[in-house]
N, C-alpha and C. Protein backbone atom coordinates (compact mmCIF):
# COMPACT_ATOMS: atom_id res chain seq x y z
N MET A 1 0.85 -1.17 0.00
CA MET A 1 0.00 0.00 0.00
C MET A 1 0.90 1.24 0.00
N THR A 2 0.57 2.21 -0.81
CA THR A 2 1.37 3.42 -0.89
C THR A 2 0.78 4.50 -0.02
N GLU A 3 1.58 5.55 0.21
CA GLU A 3 1.11 6.65 1.04
C GLU A 3 -0.07 7.37 0.40
N SER A 4 -0.22 7.25 -0.92
CA SER A 4 -1.30 7.96 -1.59
C SER A 4 -2.62 7.22 -1.51
N ASP A 5 -2.61 5.97 -1.02
CA ASP A 5 -3.86 5.25 -0.87
C ASP A 5 -4.76 5.97 0.11
N GLU A 6 -6.06 5.92 -0.12
CA GLU A 6 -7.00 6.64 0.73
C GLU A 6 -7.46 5.84 1.93
N THR A 7 -7.08 4.59 2.01
CA THR A 7 -7.46 3.78 3.16
C THR A 7 -6.22 3.30 3.88
N ASP A 8 -6.35 3.07 5.16
CA ASP A 8 -5.26 2.52 5.96
C ASP A 8 -5.51 1.03 6.14
N THR A 9 -4.46 0.33 6.51
CA THR A 9 -4.61 -1.08 6.78
C THR A 9 -4.45 -1.29 8.28
N ALA A 10 -5.41 -1.93 8.88
CA ALA A 10 -5.35 -2.21 10.31
C ALA A 10 -4.30 -3.27 10.58
N ALA A 11 -3.99 -3.48 11.86
CA ALA A 11 -3.01 -4.49 12.23
C ALA A 11 -3.42 -5.87 11.71
N SER A 12 -4.71 -6.09 11.54
CA SER A 12 -5.20 -7.38 11.04
C SER A 12 -4.95 -7.52 9.55
N GLY A 13 -4.55 -6.44 8.88
CA GLY A 13 -4.34 -6.49 7.44
C GLY A 13 -5.58 -6.13 6.65
N LEU A 14 -6.71 -5.91 7.33
CA LEU A 14 -7.94 -5.54 6.65
C LEU A 14 -7.97 -4.03 6.44
N PRO A 15 -8.42 -3.58 5.28
CA PRO A 15 -8.47 -2.13 5.06
C PRO A 15 -9.51 -1.47 5.95
N GLN A 16 -9.20 -0.26 6.39
CA GLN A 16 -10.12 0.54 7.18
C GLN A 16 -10.50 1.76 6.36
N SER A 17 -11.71 2.22 6.54
CA SER A 17 -12.15 3.42 5.84
C SER A 17 -11.45 4.63 6.44
N PRO A 18 -11.18 5.64 5.62
CA PRO A 18 -10.60 6.86 6.18
C PRO A 18 -11.61 7.56 7.07
N ARG A 19 -11.09 8.36 7.99
CA ARG A 19 -11.97 9.12 8.88
C ARG A 19 -12.84 10.01 8.01
N PRO A 20 -14.17 9.94 8.16
CA PRO A 20 -15.05 10.69 7.27
C PRO A 20 -15.03 12.20 7.49
N TRP A 21 -14.60 12.64 8.66
CA TRP A 21 -14.63 14.06 8.96
C TRP A 21 -13.52 14.39 9.94
N THR A 22 -12.81 15.45 9.68
CA THR A 22 -11.77 15.93 10.58
C THR A 22 -12.05 17.40 10.89
N PRO A 23 -12.17 17.75 12.16
CA PRO A 23 -12.43 19.14 12.51
C PRO A 23 -11.32 20.06 12.01
N ARG A 24 -11.71 21.23 11.54
CA ARG A 24 -10.76 22.25 11.08
C ARG A 24 -10.91 23.50 11.92
N LEU A 25 -9.91 24.33 11.90
CA LEU A 25 -9.93 25.60 12.62
C LEU A 25 -11.15 26.41 12.20
N GLY A 26 -11.93 26.87 13.18
CA GLY A 26 -13.11 27.67 12.89
C GLY A 26 -14.39 26.88 12.73
N ASP A 27 -14.31 25.54 12.68
CA ASP A 27 -15.51 24.72 12.56
C ASP A 27 -16.37 24.81 13.81
N LEU A 28 -17.68 24.80 13.62
CA LEU A 28 -18.61 24.67 14.74
C LEU A 28 -18.79 23.18 14.97
N VAL A 29 -18.49 22.75 16.19
CA VAL A 29 -18.53 21.32 16.53
C VAL A 29 -19.39 21.10 17.77
N HIS A 30 -19.82 19.87 17.93
CA HIS A 30 -20.52 19.47 19.16
C HIS A 30 -19.58 18.57 19.93
N ASP A 31 -19.33 18.90 21.19
CA ASP A 31 -18.47 18.12 22.06
C ASP A 31 -19.35 17.25 22.95
N SER A 32 -19.36 15.95 22.71
CA SER A 32 -20.22 15.05 23.48
C SER A 32 -19.76 14.91 24.93
N SER A 33 -18.51 15.23 25.23
CA SER A 33 -18.03 15.10 26.61
C SER A 33 -18.60 16.20 27.51
N THR A 34 -18.98 17.32 26.92
CA THR A 34 -19.57 18.42 27.70
C THR A 34 -21.00 18.73 27.27
N ASP A 35 -21.44 18.09 26.19
CA ASP A 35 -22.76 18.33 25.60
C ASP A 35 -22.94 19.80 25.25
N ARG A 36 -21.87 20.41 24.70
CA ARG A 36 -21.91 21.81 24.27
C ARG A 36 -21.43 21.91 22.83
N SER A 37 -21.91 22.93 22.14
CA SER A 37 -21.40 23.26 20.82
C SER A 37 -20.41 24.40 20.98
N ALA A 38 -19.35 24.37 20.17
CA ALA A 38 -18.30 25.37 20.29
C ALA A 38 -17.56 25.48 18.96
N VAL A 39 -16.65 26.44 18.92
CA VAL A 39 -15.81 26.66 17.75
C VAL A 39 -14.42 26.09 18.03
N VAL A 40 -13.84 25.44 17.02
CA VAL A 40 -12.46 24.95 17.13
C VAL A 40 -11.54 26.17 17.01
N VAL A 41 -10.77 26.45 18.08
CA VAL A 41 -9.89 27.62 18.08
C VAL A 41 -8.41 27.24 17.99
N ALA A 42 -8.08 25.95 18.15
CA ALA A 42 -6.71 25.48 17.98
C ALA A 42 -6.75 23.99 17.66
N LEU A 43 -5.84 23.58 16.79
CA LEU A 43 -5.75 22.19 16.36
C LEU A 43 -4.61 21.48 17.06
N PRO A 44 -4.65 20.14 17.11
CA PRO A 44 -3.50 19.42 17.66
C PRO A 44 -2.24 19.82 16.88
N GLY A 45 -1.19 20.14 17.61
CA GLY A 45 0.07 20.54 16.98
C GLY A 45 0.22 22.02 16.78
N ASP A 46 -0.85 22.81 16.95
CA ASP A 46 -0.75 24.26 16.76
C ASP A 46 0.21 24.91 17.75
N HIS A 47 0.34 24.34 18.93
CA HIS A 47 1.19 24.92 19.96
C HIS A 47 2.40 24.03 20.22
N GLY A 48 2.94 23.46 19.16
CA GLY A 48 4.11 22.60 19.27
C GLY A 48 3.76 21.14 19.08
N PRO A 49 4.77 20.32 18.85
CA PRO A 49 4.54 18.90 18.55
C PRO A 49 3.95 18.11 19.71
N ASP A 50 4.04 18.62 20.92
CA ASP A 50 3.50 17.90 22.07
C ASP A 50 2.05 18.30 22.38
N ALA A 51 1.51 19.26 21.66
CA ALA A 51 0.13 19.68 21.86
C ALA A 51 -0.77 18.72 21.08
N LEU A 52 -1.40 17.82 21.79
CA LEU A 52 -2.14 16.74 21.15
C LEU A 52 -3.65 16.85 21.33
N THR A 53 -4.15 18.06 21.55
CA THR A 53 -5.57 18.24 21.79
C THR A 53 -6.14 19.33 20.89
N TYR A 54 -7.46 19.25 20.69
CA TYR A 54 -8.20 20.35 20.07
C TYR A 54 -8.58 21.30 21.18
N HIS A 55 -8.60 22.59 20.89
CA HIS A 55 -9.05 23.60 21.85
C HIS A 55 -10.34 24.19 21.32
N LEU A 56 -11.34 24.26 22.19
CA LEU A 56 -12.67 24.74 21.83
C LEU A 56 -13.04 25.94 22.67
N ALA A 57 -13.89 26.80 22.11
CA ALA A 57 -14.41 27.95 22.86
C ALA A 57 -15.79 28.30 22.33
N LEU A 58 -16.62 28.82 23.22
CA LEU A 58 -17.90 29.36 22.80
C LEU A 58 -17.65 30.67 22.08
N PRO A 59 -18.37 30.96 21.01
CA PRO A 59 -18.15 32.22 20.30
C PRO A 59 -18.29 33.41 21.23
N GLY A 60 -17.33 34.31 21.17
CA GLY A 60 -17.36 35.51 22.00
C GLY A 60 -16.94 35.31 23.44
N GLU A 61 -16.56 34.12 23.80
CA GLU A 61 -16.16 33.83 25.18
C GLU A 61 -14.65 33.64 25.25
N VAL A 62 -14.07 33.85 26.43
CA VAL A 62 -12.63 33.65 26.60
C VAL A 62 -12.31 32.28 27.19
N ASP A 63 -13.30 31.66 27.84
CA ASP A 63 -13.06 30.33 28.41
C ASP A 63 -12.87 29.31 27.29
N ARG A 64 -11.84 28.48 27.45
CA ARG A 64 -11.55 27.43 26.48
C ARG A 64 -11.46 26.11 27.20
N TRP A 65 -11.65 25.02 26.46
CA TRP A 65 -11.41 23.69 27.00
C TRP A 65 -10.81 22.84 25.91
N SER A 66 -10.20 21.75 26.33
CA SER A 66 -9.51 20.85 25.41
C SER A 66 -10.23 19.52 25.31
N VAL A 67 -10.12 18.91 24.14
CA VAL A 67 -10.65 17.56 23.93
C VAL A 67 -9.57 16.74 23.25
N PRO A 68 -9.66 15.40 23.32
CA PRO A 68 -8.61 14.56 22.74
C PRO A 68 -8.34 14.86 21.27
N GLY A 69 -7.09 14.75 20.90
CA GLY A 69 -6.66 15.01 19.53
C GLY A 69 -7.20 14.03 18.51
N ASP A 70 -7.76 12.91 18.96
CA ASP A 70 -8.36 11.98 18.00
C ASP A 70 -9.77 12.41 17.62
N ALA A 71 -10.26 13.49 18.20
CA ALA A 71 -11.57 14.06 17.92
C ALA A 71 -12.71 13.09 18.22
N SER A 72 -12.47 12.14 19.10
CA SER A 72 -13.48 11.11 19.39
C SER A 72 -14.74 11.67 20.04
N THR A 73 -14.65 12.85 20.67
CA THR A 73 -15.84 13.43 21.31
C THR A 73 -16.48 14.50 20.44
N LEU A 74 -15.94 14.74 19.25
CA LEU A 74 -16.43 15.82 18.39
C LEU A 74 -17.24 15.30 17.21
N SER A 75 -18.23 16.07 16.83
CA SER A 75 -19.00 15.81 15.62
C SER A 75 -19.38 17.15 15.01
N PRO A 76 -19.66 17.18 13.71
CA PRO A 76 -20.08 18.45 13.10
C PRO A 76 -21.35 18.96 13.77
N ALA A 77 -21.46 20.24 13.93
CA ALA A 77 -22.62 20.81 14.61
C ALA A 77 -23.52 21.56 13.64
N GLU A 78 -23.47 21.23 12.36
CA GLU A 78 -24.27 21.94 11.36
C GLU A 78 -25.76 21.88 11.66
N ASP A 79 -26.22 20.77 12.22
CA ASP A 79 -27.64 20.61 12.46
C ASP A 79 -28.08 21.15 13.82
N LEU A 80 -27.14 21.66 14.59
CA LEU A 80 -27.46 22.19 15.91
C LEU A 80 -27.57 23.70 15.84
N PRO A 81 -28.41 24.28 16.64
CA PRO A 81 -28.45 25.75 16.67
C PRO A 81 -27.14 26.27 17.24
N PRO A 82 -26.69 27.44 16.82
CA PRO A 82 -25.45 27.99 17.38
C PRO A 82 -25.60 28.24 18.87
N PRO A 83 -24.49 28.21 19.61
CA PRO A 83 -24.57 28.49 21.04
C PRO A 83 -25.16 29.87 21.29
N HIS A 84 -25.86 30.02 22.40
CA HIS A 84 -26.48 31.30 22.75
C HIS A 84 -25.39 32.33 23.01
N LEU A 85 -25.54 33.45 22.40
CA LEU A 85 -24.61 34.56 22.62
C LEU A 85 -25.32 35.61 23.45
N SER A 86 -24.72 35.98 24.56
CA SER A 86 -25.34 37.01 25.39
C SER A 86 -24.77 38.38 25.01
N ALA A 87 -25.60 39.37 25.08
CA ALA A 87 -25.18 40.72 24.68
C ALA A 87 -24.45 41.41 25.78
């Protein structure tokens, strides 16, 4: 298998499908670990090679939180209403 192949091979030798979605900077995501929707404000590796987490924040807020770099708790939030913004 070459690096240009779109599928990976598991340890069993069976092909695995590529991850269907990867969060990008600025994406609105739903974090199942907190049951909140937020914006991706930093990606794994943005703050050096040892930074292995996504950083999320509510729009207009300064509080941030981190989730695992494998994005296992994240899903696209297109179908969710945006987080409430207070004036």
